[in-house]
């Protein structure tokens, strides 16, 4: 179990830009590892409204429960290793296991008994050390969508922003406003549900 401050710089890129930067760092396909994020919130998205995010990440048949909450700089990550049984319990019933994450939710007065599973996002990820941080290459698939993203995880935001901007400039890739994966997933989920309702209405007319 651990709580850490997360400072991430993110940039959504096109597939062509992603291939270009991947080639720049000579990344081969065997360096990419699959991980699956399962996302949770209350039916009214109380966590999202407060800038929080709750997920289970499955990677190499290991499971980690994570709560992200706002911090003075970046986000505070509360992480807890769980087993497959507890992961499935949360997915199927919304029942949170006792531990650091549940305690943090209590401290923040966030819902404990009204947690719903909203779906999953699969990412193929490669990571390399780059200057003062960790450079991350992500290909994410969710709800019939696929996007490409470069992340730079750093300890100092100001230094990290300078290095990240220099790298993007070097590769002629513009910096784009980029939301977190969970926000992109929720936005896609809302569009998906809206499309379902539209189809239902059209069928009934």
C-alpha atoms as a PDB file:
ATOM      1  CA  UNK A   1       0.000   0.000   0.000  1.00  0.00           C
ATOM      2  CA  UNK A   2       1.252   3.488  -0.758  1.00  0.00           C
ATOM      3  CA  UNK A   3       0.180   7.081  -1.253  1.00  0.00           C
ATOM      4  CA  UNK A   4       2.150   9.135  -3.742  1.00  0.00           C
ATOM      5  CA  UNK A   5       1.869  12.495  -5.455  1.00  0.00           C
ATOM      6  CA  UNK A   6       1.462  12.027  -9.195  1.00  0.00           C
ATOM      7  CA  UNK A   7       2.592  14.757 -11.608  1.00  0.00           C
ATOM      8  CA  UNK A   8       1.901  13.753 -15.203  1.00  0.00           C
ATOM      9  CA  UNK A   9       2.155  15.778 -18.387  1.00  0.00           C
ATOM     10  CA  UNK A  10      -0.061  14.366 -21.128  1.00  0.00           C
ATOM     11  CA  UNK A  11      -0.393  14.879 -24.850  1.00  0.00           C
ATOM     12  CA  UNK A  12      -2.808  13.162 -27.205  1.00  0.00           C
ATOM     13  CA  UNK A  13      -1.120  12.546 -30.548  1.00  0.00           C
ATOM     14  CA  UNK A  14      -2.142  11.198 -33.918  1.00  0.00           C
ATOM     15  CA  UNK A  15      -1.248   7.667 -34.950  1.00  0.00           C
ATOM     16  CA  UNK A  16       1.372   9.030 -37.351  1.00  0.00           C
ATOM     17  CA  UNK A  17       2.920  11.183 -34.590  1.00  0.00           C
ATOM     18  CA  UNK A  18       2.900   8.220 -32.226  1.00  0.00           C
ATOM     19  CA  UNK A  19       4.748   6.044 -34.750  1.00  0.00           C
ATOM     20  CA  UNK A  20       7.254   8.838 -35.304  1.00  0.00           C
ATOM     21  CA  UNK A  21       8.082   9.256 -31.614  1.00  0.00           C
ATOM     22  CA  UNK A  22       8.110   5.477 -31.112  1.00  0.00           C
ATOM     23  CA  UNK A  23      10.675   5.172 -33.901  1.00  0.00           C
ATOM     24  CA  UNK A  24      12.674   8.078 -32.458  1.00  0.00           C
ATOM     25  CA  UNK A  25      13.228   6.032 -29.300  1.00  0.00           C
ATOM     26  CA  UNK A  26      13.565   2.688 -31.155  1.00  0.00           C
ATOM     27  CA  UNK A  27      10.666   1.097 -29.299  1.00  0.00           C
ATOM     28  CA  UNK A  28       9.797  -2.420 -30.417  1.00  0.00           C
ATOM     29  CA  UNK A  29       6.415  -4.105 -29.985  1.00  0.00           C
ATOM     30  CA  UNK A  30       7.680  -6.482 -27.301  1.00  0.00           C
ATOM     31  CA  UNK A  31       8.238  -3.500 -24.990  1.00  0.00           C
ATOM     32  CA  UNK A  32       4.493  -2.781 -24.869  1.00  0.00           C
ATOM     33  CA  UNK A  33       2.588  -4.431 -22.003  1.00  0.00           C
ATOM     34  CA  UNK A  34      -1.185  -4.694 -21.779  1.00  0.00           C
ATOM     35  CA  UNK A  35      -2.984  -3.315 -18.759  1.00  0.00           C
ATOM     36  CA  UNK A  36      -6.725  -3.050 -18.140  1.00  0.00           C
ATOM     37  CA  UNK A  37      -8.309  -0.241 -16.132  1.00  0.00           C
ATOM     38  CA  UNK A  38     -11.733  -0.900 -14.600  1.00  0.00           C
ATOM     39  CA  UNK A  39     -13.496   2.353 -13.625  1.00  0.00           C
ATOM     40  CA  UNK A  40     -15.956   3.068 -10.821  1.00  0.00           C
ATOM     41  CA  UNK A  41     -18.089   5.970  -9.608  1.00  0.00           C
ATOM     42  CA  UNK A  42     -21.476   6.672  -8.070  1.00  0.00           C
ATOM     43  CA  UNK A  43     -24.468   6.764 -10.482  1.00  0.00           C
ATOM     44  CA  UNK A  44     -24.340  10.582 -10.372  1.00  0.00           C
ATOM     45  CA  UNK A  45     -20.538  10.717 -10.870  1.00  0.00           C
ATOM     46  CA  UNK A  46     -19.825  12.195  -7.429  1.00  0.00           C
ATOM     47  CA  UNK A  47     -16.180  11.173  -7.580  1.00  0.00           C
ATOM     48  CA  UNK A  48     -15.666  12.788 -10.978  1.00  0.00           C
ATOM     49  CA  UNK A  49     -17.407  15.981  -9.843  1.00  0.00           C
ATOM     50  CA  UNK A  50     -14.917  16.289  -6.980  1.00  0.00           C
ATOM     51  CA  UNK A  51     -11.913  15.659  -9.221  1.00  0.00           C
ATOM     52  CA  UNK A  52     -11.434  12.093  -7.959  1.00  0.00           C
ATOM     53  CA  UNK A  53     -11.118   8.811  -9.832  1.00  0.00           C
ATOM     54  CA  UNK A  54     -11.429   5.212  -8.691  1.00  0.00           C
ATOM     55  CA  UNK A  55     -10.068   2.272 -10.653  1.00  0.00           C
ATOM     56  CA  UNK A  56      -8.743  -1.258 -10.547  1.00  0.00           C
ATOM     57  CA  UNK A  57      -5.728  -1.859 -12.786  1.00  0.00           C
ATOM     58  CA  UNK A  58      -4.958  -5.387 -13.939  1.00  0.00           C
ATOM     59  CA  UNK A  59      -1.387  -5.872 -15.135  1.00  0.00           C
ATOM     60  CA  UNK A  60       0.426  -9.196 -15.516  1.00  0.00           C
ATOM     61  CA  UNK A  61      -2.405 -10.907 -13.596  1.00  0.00           C
ATOM     62  CA  UNK A  62      -1.910  -8.590 -10.635  1.00  0.00           C
ATOM     63  CA  UNK A  63      -4.571  -6.171  -9.400  1.00  0.00           C
ATOM     64  CA  UNK A  64      -4.168  -2.722  -7.877  1.00  0.00           C
ATOM     65  CA  UNK A  65      -6.979  -0.560  -6.513  1.00  0.00           C
ATOM     66  CA  UNK A  66      -6.265   3.162  -6.880  1.00  0.00           C
ATOM     67  CA  UNK A  67      -8.036   6.307  -5.743  1.00  0.00           C
ATOM     68  CA  UNK A  68      -6.830   9.554  -7.297  1.00  0.00           C
ATOM     69  CA  UNK A  69      -7.766  12.720  -5.412  1.00  0.00           C
ATOM     70  CA  UNK A  70      -6.775  16.382  -5.847  1.00  0.00           C
ATOM     71  CA  UNK A  71      -3.575  17.580  -4.190  1.00  0.00           C
ATOM     72  CA  UNK A  72      -1.935  20.997  -3.952  1.00  0.00           C
ATOM     73  CA  UNK A  73       0.339  19.973  -6.821  1.00  0.00           C
ATOM     74  CA  UNK A  74      -0.786  17.148  -9.099  1.00  0.00           C
ATOM     75  CA  UNK A  75      -2.892  14.293  -7.748  1.00  0.00           C
ATOM     76  CA  UNK A  76      -2.634  12.162  -4.644  1.00  0.00           C
ATOM     77  CA  UNK A  77      -2.671   8.462  -5.548  1.00  0.00           C
ATOM     78  CA  UNK A  78      -3.754   6.010  -2.862  1.00  0.00           C
ATOM     79  CA  UNK A  79      -2.782   2.528  -4.051  1.00  0.00           C
ATOM     80  CA  UNK A  80      -3.651  -0.857  -2.641  1.00  0.00           C
ATOM     81  CA  UNK A  81      -2.740  -4.315  -3.930  1.00  0.00           C
ATOM     82  CA  UNK A  82      -5.780  -6.616  -4.017  1.00  0.00           C
ATOM     83  CA  UNK A  83      -6.423 -10.139  -5.212  1.00  0.00           C
ATOM     84  CA  UNK A  84      -8.616 -11.283  -8.091  1.00  0.00           C
ATOM     85  CA  UNK A  85     -11.469 -12.242  -5.777  1.00  0.00           C
ATOM     86  CA  UNK A  86     -11.687  -8.737  -4.262  1.00  0.00           C
ATOM     87  CA  UNK A  87     -11.398  -7.177  -7.725  1.00  0.00           C
ATOM     88  CA  UNK A  88     -14.305  -9.265  -9.022  1.00  0.00           C
ATOM     89  CA  UNK A  89     -16.286  -8.475  -5.873  1.00  0.00           C
ATOM     90  CA  UNK A  90     -15.974  -4.739  -6.523  1.00  0.00           C
ATOM     91  CA  UNK A  91     -16.820  -5.124 -10.214  1.00  0.00           C
ATOM     92  CA  UNK A  92     -19.912  -7.260  -9.652  1.00  0.00           C
ATOM     93  CA  UNK A  93     -21.336  -5.805  -6.436  1.00  0.00           C
ATOM     94  CA  UNK A  94     -19.665  -2.432  -5.872  1.00  0.00           C
ATOM     95  CA  UNK A  95     -18.395  -3.671  -2.498  1.00  0.00           C
ATOM     96  CA  UNK A  96     -15.104  -1.977  -1.577  1.00  0.00           C
ATOM     97  CA  UNK A  97     -12.571  -4.037   0.377  1.00  0.00           C
ATOM     98  CA  UNK A  98     -11.396  -2.723   3.736  1.00  0.00           C
ATOM     99  CA  UNK A  99      -8.100  -0.894   3.357  1.00  0.00           C
ATOM    100  CA  UNK A 100      -6.356   2.377   2.535  1.00  0.00           C
ATOM    101  CA  UNK A 101      -8.603   3.293  -0.399  1.00  0.00           C
ATOM    102  CA  UNK A 102     -11.823   2.800   1.553  1.00  0.00           C
ATOM    103  CA  UNK A 103     -10.371   4.769   4.481  1.00  0.00           C
ATOM    104  CA  UNK A 104      -9.402   7.636   2.160  1.00  0.00           C
ATOM    105  CA  UNK A 105     -12.928   7.712   0.698  1.00  0.00           C
ATOM    106  CA  UNK A 106     -14.289   7.954   4.242  1.00  0.00           C
ATOM    107  CA  UNK A 107     -11.944  10.865   5.008  1.00  0.00           C
ATOM    108  CA  UNK A 108     -13.163  12.671   1.886  1.00  0.00           C
ATOM    109  CA  UNK A 109     -16.829  11.925   2.763  1.00  0.00           C
ATOM    110  CA  UNK A 110     -17.246  10.211  -0.606  1.00  0.00           C
ATOM    111  CA  UNK A 111     -19.834   7.466  -1.262  1.00  0.00           C
ATOM    112  CA  UNK A 112     -19.017   3.962  -0.065  1.00  0.00           C
ATOM    113  CA  UNK A 113     -22.303   2.130  -0.534  1.00  0.00           C
ATOM    114  CA  UNK A 114     -23.224   3.441  -3.964  1.00  0.00           C
ATOM    115  CA  UNK A 115     -20.247   2.490  -6.135  1.00  0.00           C
ATOM    116  CA  UNK A 116     -20.983   1.296  -9.670  1.00  0.00           C
ATOM    117  CA  UNK A 117     -18.738  -0.335 -12.258  1.00  0.00           C
ATOM    118  CA  UNK A 118     -18.784   1.714 -15.482  1.00  0.00           C
ATOM    119  CA  UNK A 119     -16.553  -0.300 -17.790  1.00  0.00           C
ATOM    120  CA  UNK A 120     -12.955  -0.847 -18.791  1.00  0.00           C
ATOM    121  CA  UNK A 121     -10.195   0.711 -20.876  1.00  0.00           C
ATOM    122  CA  UNK A 122      -7.340  -1.395 -22.239  1.00  0.00           C
ATOM    123  CA  UNK A 123      -3.927   0.195 -22.721  1.00  0.00           C
ATOM    124  CA  UNK A 124      -0.809  -1.149 -24.396  1.00  0.00           C
ATOM    125  CA  UNK A 125       1.996   0.725 -22.638  1.00  0.00           C
ATOM    126  CA  UNK A 126       5.743   1.125 -22.991  1.00  0.00           C
ATOM    127  CA  UNK A 127       7.894   3.127 -20.571  1.00  0.00           C
ATOM    128  CA  UNK A 128      11.426   4.506 -20.759  1.00  0.00           C
ATOM    129  CA  UNK A 129      13.492   6.730 -18.491  1.00  0.00           C
ATOM    130  CA  UNK A 130      13.972  10.116 -20.115  1.00  0.00           C
ATOM    131  CA  UNK A 131      16.070  12.868 -18.547  1.00  0.00           C
ATOM    132  CA  UNK A 132      14.417  13.731 -15.211  1.00  0.00           C
ATOM    133  CA  UNK A 133      11.301  11.579 -15.567  1.00  0.00           C
ATOM    134  CA  UNK A 134       9.513   8.611 -17.088  1.00  0.00           C
ATOM    135  CA  UNK A 135       8.294   8.824 -20.679  1.00  0.00           C
ATOM    136  CA  UNK A 136       5.193   6.713 -21.300  1.00  0.00           C
ATOM    137  CA  UNK A 137       3.743   5.578 -24.643  1.00  0.00           C
ATOM    138  CA  UNK A 138       0.069   4.533 -24.513  1.00  0.00           C
ATOM    139  CA  UNK A 139      -2.345   3.059 -27.051  1.00  0.00           C
ATOM    140  CA  UNK A 140      -5.775   2.905 -25.410  1.00  0.00           C
ATOM    141  CA  UNK A 141      -8.937   1.147 -26.598  1.00  0.00           C
ATOM    142  CA  UNK A 142     -12.397   1.696 -25.116  1.00  0.00           C
ATOM    143  CA  UNK A 143     -16.008   1.736 -26.351  1.00  0.00           C
ATOM    144  CA  UNK A 144     -15.036   1.317 -30.018  1.00  0.00           C
ATOM    145  CA  UNK A 145     -12.484   4.136 -29.719  1.00  0.00           C
ATOM    146  CA  UNK A 146      -8.707   4.113 -29.865  1.00  0.00           C
ATOM    147  CA  UNK A 147      -6.335   6.923 -28.987  1.00  0.00           C
ATOM    148  CA  UNK A 148      -2.601   7.512 -28.769  1.00  0.00           C
ATOM    149  CA  UNK A 149      -0.991   9.376 -25.910  1.00  0.00           C
ATOM    150  CA  UNK A 150       2.426  10.399 -24.655  1.00  0.00           C
ATOM    151  CA  UNK A 151       2.814  10.957 -20.911  1.00  0.00           C
ATOM    152  CA  UNK A 152       5.758  12.334 -18.995  1.00  0.00           C
ATOM    153  CA  UNK A 153       5.825  11.543 -15.266  1.00  0.00           C
ATOM    154  CA  UNK A 154       7.995  13.914 -13.267  1.00  0.00           C
ATOM    155  CA  UNK A 155       8.802  15.048  -9.741  1.00  0.00           C
ATOM    156  CA  UNK A 156       8.981  18.754 -10.633  1.00  0.00           C
ATOM    157  CA  UNK A 157       6.230  20.181 -12.838  1.00  0.00           C
ATOM    158  CA  UNK A 158       8.165  23.253 -14.035  1.00  0.00           C
ATOM    159  CA  UNK A 159      11.254  21.289 -15.093  1.00  0.00           C
ATOM    160  CA  UNK A 160       9.072  18.546 -16.581  1.00  0.00           C
ATOM    161  CA  UNK A 161       7.016  20.970 -18.646  1.00  0.00           C
ATOM    162  CA  UNK A 162      10.172  22.476 -20.125  1.00  0.00           C
ATOM    163  CA  UNK A 163      11.656  19.081 -21.046  1.00  0.00           C
ATOM    164  CA  UNK A 164       8.341  17.795 -22.432  1.00  0.00           C
ATOM    165  CA  UNK A 165       7.796  20.942 -24.514  1.00  0.00           C
ATOM    166  CA  UNK A 166      11.330  20.705 -25.907  1.00  0.00           C
ATOM    167  CA  UNK A 167      10.763  17.083 -26.899  1.00  0.00           C
ATOM    168  CA  UNK A 168       7.456  17.829 -28.627  1.00  0.00           C
ATOM    169  CA  UNK A 169       9.039  20.792 -30.434  1.00  0.00           C
ATOM    170  CA  UNK A 170      11.948  18.618 -31.534  1.00  0.00           C
ATOM    171  CA  UNK A 171       9.489  16.132 -33.076  1.00  0.00           C
ATOM    172  CA  UNK A 172       7.216  18.854 -34.472  1.00  0.00           C
ATOM    173  CA  UNK A 173       4.257  17.605 -32.419  1.00  0.00           C
ATOM    174  CA  UNK A 174       1.885  20.278 -31.039  1.00  0.00           C
ATOM    175  CA  UNK A 175       0.874  20.222 -27.374  1.00  0.00           C
ATOM    176  CA  UNK A 176      -2.871  19.547 -27.184  1.00  0.00           C
ATOM    177  CA  UNK A 177      -5.213  19.952 -24.255  1.00  0.00           C
ATOM    178  CA  UNK A 178      -5.493  16.378 -22.978  1.00  0.00           C
ATOM    179  CA  UNK A 179      -7.905  15.012 -20.393  1.00  0.00           C
ATOM    180  CA  UNK A 180      -7.154  12.038 -18.157  1.00  0.00           C
ATOM    181  CA  UNK A 181      -8.021   8.586 -19.462  1.00  0.00           C
ATOM    182  CA  UNK A 182     -10.913   8.222 -17.046  1.00  0.00           C
ATOM    183  CA  UNK A 183     -12.419  11.507 -18.244  1.00  0.00           C
ATOM    184  CA  UNK A 184     -12.054  10.442 -21.869  1.00  0.00           C
ATOM    185  CA  UNK A 185     -13.660   7.114 -20.975  1.00  0.00           C
ATOM    186  CA  UNK A 186     -16.595   8.774 -19.176  1.00  0.00           C
ATOM    187  CA  UNK A 187     -17.153  11.208 -22.049  1.00  0.00           C
ATOM    188  CA  UNK A 188     -17.212   8.285 -24.492  1.00  0.00           C
ATOM    189  CA  UNK A 189     -19.557   6.395 -22.147  1.00  0.00           C
ATOM    190  CA  UNK A 190     -21.980   9.316 -22.058  1.00  0.00           C
ATOM    191  CA  UNK A 191     -21.911   9.560 -25.856  1.00  0.00           C
ATOM    192  CA  UNK A 192     -22.498   5.820 -26.068  1.00  0.00           C
ATOM    193  CA  UNK A 193     -25.438   5.934 -23.668  1.00  0.00           C
ATOM    194  CA  UNK A 194     -26.831   8.996 -25.428  1.00  0.00           C
ATOM    195  CA  UNK A 195     -26.641   7.125 -28.727  1.00  0.00           C
ATOM    196  CA  UNK A 196     -28.467   4.191 -27.164  1.00  0.00           C
ATOM    197  CA  UNK A 197     -31.264   6.477 -25.975  1.00  0.00           C
ATOM    198  CA  UNK A 198     -31.474   8.133 -29.380  1.00  0.00           C
ATOM    199  CA  UNK A 199     -31.734   4.750 -31.056  1.00  0.00           C
ATOM    200  CA  UNK A 200     -34.383   3.655 -28.570  1.00  0.00           C
ATOM    201  CA  UNK A 201     -36.404   6.785 -29.280  1.00  0.00           C
ATOM    202  CA  UNK A 202     -36.067   6.424 -33.024  1.00  0.00           C
ATOM    203  CA  UNK A 203     -37.257   2.843 -32.843  1.00  0.00           C
ATOM    204  CA  UNK A 204     -40.308   3.825 -30.827  1.00  0.00           C
ATOM    205  CA  UNK A 205     -41.348   6.601 -33.240  1.00  0.00           C
END
